[in-house]
Amino acid sequence: KYYSTGKETKDYPVVVLQNSGSASASELFTAAM
């Protein structure tokens, strides 16, 4: 397991926009968010 190295967690909402061309590292980003 790999953990964030951040010092704080943001408190505002985020929406991730993706499509069928979103792959690999962008999917990792989306899954974590």
Full PDB file with SEQRES, HELIX, SHEET, SSBOND, CRYST1, ORIGX, SCALE, CONECT and MASTER records, all heavy atoms in Angstrom:
SEQRES   1 A   33  LYS TYR TYR SER THR GLY LYS GLU THR LYS ASP TYR PRO          
SEQRES   2 A   33  VAL VAL VAL LEU GLN ASN SER GLY SER ALA SER ALA SER          
SEQRES   3 A   33  GLU LEU PHE THR ALA ALA MET                                  
HELIX    1 AA1 ALA A   25  ALA A   32  1                                   8    
CRYST1    1.000    1.000    1.000  90.00  90.00  90.00 P 1           1          
ORIGX1      1.000000  0.000000  0.000000        0.00000                         
ORIGX2      0.000000  1.000000  0.000000        0.00000                         
ORIGX3      0.000000  0.000000  1.000000        0.00000                         
SCALE1      1.000000  0.000000  0.000000        0.00000                         
SCALE2      0.000000  1.000000  0.000000        0.00000                         
SCALE3      0.000000  0.000000  1.000000        0.00000                         
ATOM      1  N   LYS A   1       0.840  -1.192   0.000  1.00  0.00           N  
ATOM      2  CA  LYS A   1       0.000   0.000   0.000  1.00  0.00           C  
ATOM      3  C   LYS A   1       0.880   1.249   0.000  1.00  0.00           C  
ATOM      4  O   LYS A   1       1.888   1.305   0.705  1.00  0.00           O  
ATOM      5  CB  LYS A   1      -0.909   0.025   1.236  1.00  0.00           C  
ATOM      6  CG  LYS A   1      -2.018  -1.006   1.219  1.00  0.00           C  
ATOM      7  CD  LYS A   1      -2.914  -0.863   2.449  1.00  0.00           C  
ATOM      8  CE  LYS A   1      -4.051  -1.882   2.417  1.00  0.00           C  
ATOM      9  NZ  LYS A   1      -4.923  -1.745   3.611  1.00  0.00           N  
ATOM     10  N   TYR A   2       0.483   2.244  -0.784  1.00  0.00           N  
ATOM     11  CA  TYR A   2       1.212   3.505  -0.839  1.00  0.00           C  
ATOM     12  C   TYR A   2       0.311   4.639  -0.348  1.00  0.00           C  
ATOM     13  O   TYR A   2      -0.837   4.759  -0.775  1.00  0.00           O  
ATOM     14  CB  TYR A   2       1.694   3.787  -2.262  1.00  0.00           C  
ATOM     15  CG  TYR A   2       2.823   2.867  -2.676  1.00  0.00           C  
ATOM     16  CD1 TYR A   2       2.550   1.605  -3.190  1.00  0.00           C  
ATOM     17  CD2 TYR A   2       4.150   3.248  -2.513  1.00  0.00           C  
ATOM     18  CE1 TYR A   2       3.581   0.742  -3.551  1.00  0.00           C  
ATOM     19  CE2 TYR A   2       5.187   2.398  -2.876  1.00  0.00           C  
ATOM     20  CZ  TYR A   2       4.891   1.141  -3.392  1.00  0.00           C  
ATOM     21  OH  TYR A   2       5.924   0.302  -3.731  1.00  0.00           O  
ATOM     22  N   TYR A   3       0.865   5.437   0.544  1.00  0.00           N  
ATOM     23  CA  TYR A   3       0.102   6.498   1.192  1.00  0.00           C  
ATOM     24  C   TYR A   3       0.490   7.866   0.641  1.00  0.00           C  
ATOM     25  O   TYR A   3       1.598   8.060   0.126  1.00  0.00           O  
ATOM     26  CB  TYR A   3       0.338   6.471   2.697  1.00  0.00           C  
ATOM     27  CG  TYR A   3      -0.297   5.293   3.402  1.00  0.00           C  
ATOM     28  CD1 TYR A   3       0.307   4.038   3.381  1.00  0.00           C  
ATOM     29  CD2 TYR A   3      -1.501   5.431   4.090  1.00  0.00           C  
ATOM     30  CE1 TYR A   3      -0.265   2.954   4.022  1.00  0.00           C  
ATOM     31  CE2 TYR A   3      -2.078   4.352   4.735  1.00  0.00           C  
ATOM     32  CZ  TYR A   3      -1.469   3.122   4.696  1.00  0.00           C  
ATOM     33  OH  TYR A   3      -2.053   2.042   5.326  1.00  0.00           O  
ATOM     34  N   SER A   4      -0.416   8.796   0.797  1.00  0.00           N  
ATOM     35  CA  SER A   4      -0.129  10.181   0.441  1.00  0.00           C  
ATOM     36  C   SER A   4       1.006  10.698   1.323  1.00  0.00           C  
ATOM     37  O   SER A   4       1.200  10.232   2.445  1.00  0.00           O  
ATOM     38  CB  SER A   4      -1.387  11.034   0.646  1.00  0.00           C  
ATOM     39  OG  SER A   4      -1.073  12.408   0.628  1.00  0.00           O  
ATOM     40  N   THR A   5       1.742  11.662   0.805  1.00  0.00           N  
ATOM     41  CA  THR A   5       2.795  12.305   1.599  1.00  0.00           C  
ATOM     42  C   THR A   5       2.382  13.723   1.997  1.00  0.00           C  
ATOM     43  O   THR A   5       3.201  14.503   2.487  1.00  0.00           O  
ATOM     44  CB  THR A   5       4.110  12.365   0.797  1.00  0.00           C  
ATOM     45  OG1 THR A   5       3.892  13.089  -0.431  1.00  0.00           O  
ATOM     46  CG2 THR A   5       4.620  10.971   0.486  1.00  0.00           C  
ATOM     47  N   GLY A   6       1.108  14.060   1.786  1.00  0.00           N  
ATOM     48  CA  GLY A   6       0.610  15.400   2.074  1.00  0.00           C  
ATOM     49  C   GLY A   6       0.482  15.700   3.556  1.00  0.00           C  
ATOM     50  O   GLY A   6       0.442  14.796   4.395  1.00  0.00           O  
ATOM     51  N   LYS A   7       0.387  16.972   3.865  1.00  0.00           N  
ATOM     52  CA  LYS A   7       0.287  17.417   5.259  1.00  0.00           C  
ATOM     53  C   LYS A   7      -1.148  17.726   5.674  1.00  0.00           C  
ATOM     54  O   LYS A   7      -1.450  17.814   6.862  1.00  0.00           O  
ATOM     55  CB  LYS A   7       1.161  18.659   5.472  1.00  0.00           C  
ATOM     56  CG  LYS A   7       2.651  18.404   5.258  1.00  0.00           C  
ATOM     57  CD  LYS A   7       3.470  19.677   5.478  1.00  0.00           C  
ATOM     58  CE  LYS A   7       4.952  19.419   5.264  1.00  0.00           C  
ATOM     59  NZ  LYS A   7       5.759  20.660   5.451  1.00  0.00           N  
ATOM     60  N   GLU A   8      -2.031  17.922   4.684  1.00  0.00           N  
ATOM     61  CA  GLU A   8      -3.403  18.258   5.007  1.00  0.00           C  
ATOM     62  C   GLU A   8      -4.346  17.682   3.962  1.00  0.00           C  
ATOM     63  O   GLU A   8      -3.921  17.291   2.873  1.00  0.00           O  
ATOM     64  CB  GLU A   8      -3.592  19.781   5.074  1.00  0.00           C  
ATOM     65  CG  GLU A   8      -3.328  20.476   3.741  1.00  0.00           C  
ATOM     66  CD  GLU A   8      -3.664  21.962   3.768  1.00  0.00           C  
ATOM     67  OE1 GLU A   8      -4.356  22.388   4.708  1.00  0.00           O  
ATOM     68  OE2 GLU A   8      -3.230  22.676   2.836  1.00  0.00           O  
ATOM     69  N   THR A   9      -5.631  17.638   4.312  1.00  0.00           N  
ATOM     70  CA  THR A   9      -6.661  17.184   3.378  1.00  0.00           C  
ATOM     71  C   THR A   9      -7.564  18.368   3.047  1.00  0.00           C  
ATOM     72  O   THR A   9      -8.063  19.047   3.945  1.00  0.00           O  
ATOM     73  CB  THR A   9      -7.499  16.050   3.993  1.00  0.00           C  
ATOM     74  OG1 THR A   9      -6.632  14.943   4.297  1.00  0.00           O  
ATOM     75  CG2 THR A   9      -8.575  15.574   3.024  1.00  0.00           C  
ATOM     76  N   LYS A  10      -7.723  18.643   1.755  1.00  0.00           N  
ATOM     77  CA  LYS A  10      -8.558  19.756   1.332  1.00  0.00           C  
ATOM     78  C   LYS A  10     -10.012  19.515   1.764  1.00  0.00           C  
ATOM     79  O   LYS A  10     -10.445  18.370   1.942  1.00  0.00           O  
ATOM     80  CB  LYS A  10      -8.520  19.917  -0.193  1.00  0.00           C  
ATOM     81  CG  LYS A  10      -7.125  20.048  -0.793  1.00  0.00           C  
ATOM     82  CD  LYS A  10      -6.453  21.352  -0.430  1.00  0.00           C  
ATOM     83  CE  LYS A  10      -5.133  21.515  -1.183  1.00  0.00           C  
ATOM     84  NZ  LYS A  10      -4.400  22.724  -0.783  1.00  0.00           N  
ATOM     85  N   ASP A  11     -10.757  20.607   1.923  1.00  0.00           N  
ATOM     86  CA  ASP A  11     -12.135  20.462   2.403  1.00  0.00           C  
ATOM     87  C   ASP A  11     -13.174  20.886   1.361  1.00  0.00           C  
ATOM     88  O   ASP A  11     -14.365  20.991   1.675  1.00  0.00           O  
ATOM     89  CB  ASP A  11     -12.338  21.256   3.694  1.00  0.00           C  
ATOM     90  CG  ASP A  11     -12.026  22.739   3.514  1.00  0.00           C  
ATOM     91  OD1 ASP A  11     -11.659  23.140   2.385  1.00  0.00           O  
ATOM     92  OD2 ASP A  11     -12.129  23.481   4.499  1.00  0.00           O  
ATOM     93  N   TYR A  12     -12.738  21.126   0.117  1.00  0.00           N  
ATOM     94  CA  TYR A  12     -13.712  21.516  -0.901  1.00  0.00           C  
ATOM     95  C   TYR A  12     -14.006  20.336  -1.839  1.00  0.00           C  
ATOM     96  O   TYR A  12     -13.161  19.437  -2.010  1.00  0.00           O  
ATOM     97  CB  TYR A  12     -13.244  22.735  -1.699  1.00  0.00           C  
ATOM     98  CG  TYR A  12     -11.848  22.657  -2.269  1.00  0.00           C  
ATOM     99  CD1 TYR A  12     -11.564  21.900  -3.410  1.00  0.00           C  
ATOM    100  CD2 TYR A  12     -10.797  23.378  -1.690  1.00  0.00           C  
ATOM    101  CE1 TYR A  12     -10.301  21.849  -3.943  1.00  0.00           C  
ATOM    102  CE2 TYR A  12      -9.522  23.335  -2.221  1.00  0.00           C  
ATOM    103  CZ  TYR A  12      -9.280  22.567  -3.354  1.00  0.00           C  
ATOM    104  OH  TYR A  12      -8.005  22.516  -3.874  1.00  0.00           O  
ATOM    105  N   PRO A  13     -15.197  20.317  -2.465  1.00  0.00           N  
ATOM    106  CA  PRO A  13     -15.563  19.209  -3.341  1.00  0.00           C  
ATOM    107  C   PRO A  13     -14.808  19.236  -4.667  1.00  0.00           C  
ATOM    108  O   PRO A  13     -14.461  20.314  -5.179  1.00  0.00           O  
ATOM    109  CB  PRO A  13     -17.059  19.405  -3.560  1.00  0.00           C  
ATOM    110  CG  PRO A  13     -17.276  20.863  -3.372  1.00  0.00           C  
ATOM    111  CD  PRO A  13     -16.296  21.290  -2.316  1.00  0.00           C  
ATOM    112  N   VAL A  14     -14.556  18.049  -5.199  1.00  0.00           N  
ATOM    113  CA  VAL A  14     -13.871  17.902  -6.482  1.00  0.00           C  
ATOM    114  C   VAL A  14     -14.652  16.933  -7.360  1.00  0.00           C  
ATOM    115  O   VAL A  14     -15.148  15.905  -6.880  1.00  0.00           O  
ATOM    116  CB  VAL A  14     -12.424  17.376  -6.289  1.00  0.00           C  
ATOM    117  CG1 VAL A  14     -11.791  17.030  -7.642  1.00  0.00           C  
ATOM    118  CG2 VAL A  14     -11.576  18.401  -5.549  1.00  0.00           C  
ATOM    119  N   VAL A  15     -14.762  17.263  -8.640  1.00  0.00           N  
ATOM    120  CA  VAL A  15     -15.348  16.369  -9.636  1.00  0.00           C  
ATOM    121  C   VAL A  15     -14.269  16.044 -10.660  1.00  0.00           C  
ATOM    122  O   VAL A  15     -13.580  16.945 -11.151  1.00  0.00           O  
ATOM    123  CB  VAL A  15     -16.560  17.016 -10.334  1.00  0.00           C  
ATOM    124  CG1 VAL A  15     -17.046  16.136 -11.496  1.00  0.00           C  
ATOM    125  CG2 VAL A  15     -17.692  17.232  -9.337  1.00  0.00           C  
ATOM    126  N   VAL A  16     -14.090  14.755 -10.951  1.00  0.00           N  
ATOM    127  CA  VAL A  16     -13.122  14.340 -11.962  1.00  0.00           C  
ATOM    128  C   VAL A  16     -13.876  13.995 -13.240  1.00  0.00           C  
ATOM    129  O   VAL A  16     -14.847  13.233 -13.220  1.00  0.00           O  
ATOM    130  CB  VAL A  16     -12.290  13.132 -11.494  1.00  0.00           C  
ATOM    131  CG1 VAL A  16     -11.304  12.710 -12.588  1.00  0.00           C  
ATOM    132  CG2 VAL A  16     -11.533  13.456 -10.210  1.00  0.00           C  
ATOM    133  N   LEU A  17     -13.421  14.552 -14.345  1.00  0.00           N  
ATOM    134  CA  LEU A  17     -14.043  14.341 -15.646  1.00  0.00           C  
ATOM    135  C   LEU A  17     -13.172  13.384 -16.457  1.00  0.00           C  
ATOM    136  O   LEU A  17     -11.988  13.643 -16.678  1.00  0.00           O  
ATOM    137  CB  LEU A  17     -14.180  15.690 -16.358  1.00  0.00           C  
ATOM    138  CG  LEU A  17     -14.989  15.778 -17.652  1.00  0.00           C  
ATOM    139  CD1 LEU A  17     -16.375  15.170 -17.499  1.00  0.00           C  
ATOM    140  CD2 LEU A  17     -15.082  17.236 -18.101  1.00  0.00           C  
ATOM    141  N   GLN A  18     -13.748  12.264 -16.909  1.00  0.00           N  
ATOM    142  CA  GLN A  18     -12.985  11.251 -17.633  1.00  0.00           C  
ATOM    143  C   GLN A  18     -13.768  10.752 -18.853  1.00  0.00           C  
ATOM    144  O   GLN A  18     -14.952  11.013 -18.996  1.00  0.00           O  
ATOM    145  CB  GLN A  18     -12.667  10.053 -16.723  1.00  0.00           C  
ATOM    146  CG  GLN A  18     -13.912   9.271 -16.319  1.00  0.00           C  
ATOM    147  CD  GLN A  18     -13.609   7.940 -15.642  1.00  0.00           C  
ATOM    148  OE1 GLN A  18     -12.566   7.748 -15.020  1.00  0.00           O  
ATOM    149  NE2 GLN A  18     -14.541   6.996 -15.744  1.00  0.00           N  
ATOM    150  N   ASN A  19     -13.056  10.000 -19.729  1.00  0.00           N  
ATOM    151  CA  ASN A  19     -13.715   9.327 -20.842  1.00  0.00           C  
ATOM    152  C   ASN A  19     -12.961   8.037 -21.163  1.00  0.00           C  
ATOM    153  O   ASN A  19     -12.059   7.640 -20.412  1.00  0.00           O  
ATOM    154  CB  ASN A  19     -13.823  10.248 -22.065  1.00  0.00           C  
ATOM    155  CG  ASN A  19     -12.454  10.637 -22.637  1.00  0.00           C  
ATOM    156  OD1 ASN A  19     -11.408  10.178 -22.181  1.00  0.00           O  
ATOM    157  ND2 ASN A  19     -12.477  11.484 -23.645  1.00  0.00           N  
ATOM    158  N   SER A  20     -13.290   7.404 -22.266  1.00  0.00           N  
ATOM    159  CA  SER A  20     -12.666   6.118 -22.613  1.00  0.00           C  
ATOM    160  C   SER A  20     -11.197   6.270 -22.965  1.00  0.00           C  
ATOM    161  O   SER A  20     -10.455   5.278 -23.013  1.00  0.00           O  
ATOM    162  CB  SER A  20     -13.411   5.473 -23.787  1.00  0.00           C  
ATOM    163  OG  SER A  20     -13.373   6.322 -24.923  1.00  0.00           O  
ATOM    164  N   GLY A  21     -10.732   7.503 -23.216  1.00  0.00           N  
ATOM    165  CA  GLY A  21      -9.322   7.741 -23.488  1.00  0.00           C  
ATOM    166  C   GLY A  21      -8.495   7.997 -22.248  1.00  0.00           C  
ATOM    167  O   GLY A  21      -7.277   8.144 -22.320  1.00  0.00           O  
ATOM    168  N   SER A  22      -9.145   8.017 -21.090  1.00  0.00           N  
ATOM    169  CA  SER A  22      -8.440   8.191 -19.807  1.00  0.00           C  
ATOM    170  C   SER A  22      -7.877   6.835 -19.392  1.00  0.00           C  
ATOM    171  O   SER A  22      -8.639   5.896 -19.152  1.00  0.00           O  
ATOM    172  CB  SER A  22      -9.389   8.712 -18.731  1.00  0.00           C  
ATOM    173  OG  SER A  22     -10.007   9.912 -19.148  1.00  0.00           O  
ATOM    174  N   ALA A  23      -6.554   6.727 -19.309  1.00  0.00           N  
ATOM    175  CA  ALA A  23      -5.954   5.417 -19.066  1.00  0.00           C  
ATOM    176  C   ALA A  23      -4.784   5.486 -18.093  1.00  0.00           C  
ATOM    177  O   ALA A  23      -4.189   6.544 -17.877  1.00  0.00           O  
ATOM    178  CB  ALA A  23      -5.481   4.816 -20.393  1.00  0.00           C  
ATOM    179  N   SER A  24      -4.510   4.325 -17.503  1.00  0.00           N  
ATOM    180  CA  SER A  24      -3.306   4.126 -16.692  1.00  0.00           C  
ATOM    181  C   SER A  24      -3.209   5.124 -15.536  1.00  0.00           C  
ATOM    182  O   SER A  24      -4.026   5.107 -14.627  1.00  0.00           O  
ATOM    183  CB  SER A  24      -2.074   4.202 -17.594  1.00  0.00           C  
ATOM    184  OG  SER A  24      -0.924   3.753 -16.935  1.00  0.00           O  
ATOM    185  N   ALA A  25      -2.201   6.009 -15.560  1.00  0.00           N  
ATOM    186  CA  ALA A  25      -1.974   6.932 -14.445  1.00  0.00           C  
ATOM    187  C   ALA A  25      -3.150   7.864 -14.216  1.00  0.00           C  
ATOM    188  O   ALA A  25      -3.418   8.262 -13.080  1.00  0.00           O  
ATOM    189  CB  ALA A  25      -0.700   7.744 -14.690  1.00  0.00           C  
ATOM    190  N   SER A  26      -3.875   8.227 -15.282  1.00  0.00           N  
ATOM    191  CA  SER A  26      -5.044   9.089 -15.093  1.00  0.00           C  
ATOM    192  C   SER A  26      -6.161   8.325 -14.382  1.00  0.00           C  
ATOM    193  O   SER A  26      -6.929   8.908 -13.607  1.00  0.00           O  
ATOM    194  CB  SER A  26      -5.539   9.647 -16.431  1.00  0.00           C  
ATOM    195  OG  SER A  26      -5.985   8.631 -17.281  1.00  0.00           O  
ATOM    196  N   GLU A  27      -6.232   7.006 -14.611  1.00  0.00           N  
ATOM    197  CA  GLU A  27      -7.209   6.182 -13.897  1.00  0.00           C  
ATOM    198  C   GLU A  27      -6.813   6.032 -12.435  1.00  0.00           C  
ATOM    199  O   GLU A  27      -7.673   6.001 -11.549  1.00  0.00           O  
ATOM    200  CB  GLU A  27      -7.324   4.814 -14.563  1.00  0.00           C  
ATOM    201  CG  GLU A  27      -7.977   4.865 -15.942  1.00  0.00           C  
ATOM    202  CD  GLU A  27      -8.024   3.524 -16.623  1.00  0.00           C  
ATOM    203  OE1 GLU A  27      -6.945   3.029 -17.015  1.00  0.00           O  
ATOM    204  OE2 GLU A  27      -9.124   2.958 -16.778  1.00  0.00           O  
ATOM    205  N   LEU A  28      -5.513   5.936 -12.180  1.00  0.00           N  
ATOM    206  CA  LEU A  28      -5.036   5.864 -10.797  1.00  0.00           C  
ATOM    207  C   LEU A  28      -5.403   7.155 -10.068  1.00  0.00           C  
ATOM    208  O   LEU A  28      -5.857   7.112  -8.914  1.00  0.00           O  
ATOM    209  CB  LEU A  28      -3.528   5.640 -10.780  1.00  0.00           C  
ATOM    210  CG  LEU A  28      -2.878   5.344  -9.432  1.00  0.00           C  
ATOM    211  CD1 LEU A  28      -1.651   4.450  -9.622  1.00  0.00           C  
ATOM    212  CD2 LEU A  28      -2.465   6.613  -8.708  1.00  0.00           C  
ATOM    213  N   PHE A  29      -5.212   8.288 -10.740  1.00  0.00           N  
ATOM    214  CA  PHE A  29      -5.570   9.580 -10.152  1.00  0.00           C  
ATOM    215  C   PHE A  29      -7.066   9.625  -9.830  1.00  0.00           C  
ATOM    216  O   PHE A  29      -7.465  10.002  -8.723  1.00  0.00           O  
ATOM    217  CB  PHE A  29      -5.208  10.706 -11.124  1.00  0.00           C  
ATOM    218  CG  PHE A  29      -5.552  12.085 -10.636  1.00  0.00           C  
ATOM    219  CD1 PHE A  29      -4.673  12.792  -9.838  1.00  0.00           C  
ATOM    220  CD2 PHE A  29      -6.772  12.673 -10.963  1.00  0.00           C  
ATOM    221  CE1 PHE A  29      -4.995  14.067  -9.376  1.00  0.00           C  
ATOM    222  CE2 PHE A  29      -7.103  13.938 -10.512  1.00  0.00           C  
ATOM    223  CZ  PHE A  29      -6.216  14.638  -9.715  1.00  0.00           C  
ATOM    224  N   THR A  30      -7.882   9.217 -10.802  1.00  0.00           N  
ATOM    225  CA  THR A  30      -9.335   9.238 -10.613  1.00  0.00           C  
ATOM    226  C   THR A  30      -9.769   8.315  -9.488  1.00  0.00           C  
ATOM    227  O   THR A  30     -10.590   8.682  -8.644  1.00  0.00           O  
ATOM    228  CB  THR A  30     -10.052   8.829 -11.925  1.00  0.00           C  
ATOM    229  OG1 THR A  30      -9.672   9.734 -12.964  1.00  0.00           O  
ATOM    230  CG2 THR A  30     -11.558   8.860 -11.762  1.00  0.00           C  
ATOM    231  N   ALA A  31      -9.219   7.094  -9.459  1.00  0.00           N  
ATOM    232  CA  ALA A  31      -9.591   6.115  -8.435  1.00  0.00           C  
ATOM    233  C   ALA A  31      -9.249   6.612  -7.034  1.00  0.00           C  
ATOM    234  O   ALA A  31     -10.035   6.444  -6.092  1.00  0.00           O  
ATOM    235  CB  ALA A  31      -8.885   4.789  -8.711  1.00  0.00           C  
ATOM    236  N   ALA A  32      -8.064   7.227  -6.886  1.00  0.00           N  
ATOM    237  CA  ALA A  32      -7.657   7.741  -5.576  1.00  0.00           C  
ATOM    238  C   ALA A  32      -8.546   8.895  -5.140  1.00  0.00           C  
ATOM    239  O   ALA A  32      -8.957   8.976  -3.973  1.00  0.00           O  
ATOM    240  CB  ALA A  32      -6.197   8.177  -5.622  1.00  0.00           C  
ATOM    241  N   MET A  33      -8.850   9.797  -6.062  1.00  0.00           N  
ATOM    242  CA  MET A  33      -9.721  10.924  -5.726  1.00  0.00           C  
ATOM    243  C   MET A  33     -11.128  10.437  -5.372  1.00  0.00           C  
ATOM    244  O   MET A  33     -11.785  10.991  -4.487  1.00  0.00           O  
ATOM    245  CB  MET A  33      -9.773  11.912  -6.885  1.00  0.00           C  
ATOM    246  CG  MET A  33      -8.479  12.673  -7.139  1.00  0.00           C  
ATOM    247  SD  MET A  33      -7.921  13.678  -5.731  1.00  0.00           S  
ATOM    248  CE  MET A  33      -9.214  14.934  -5.660  1.00  0.00           C  
TER     249      MET A  33                                                      
MASTER        0    0    0    1    0    0    0    6  248    1    0    3          
END                                                                             
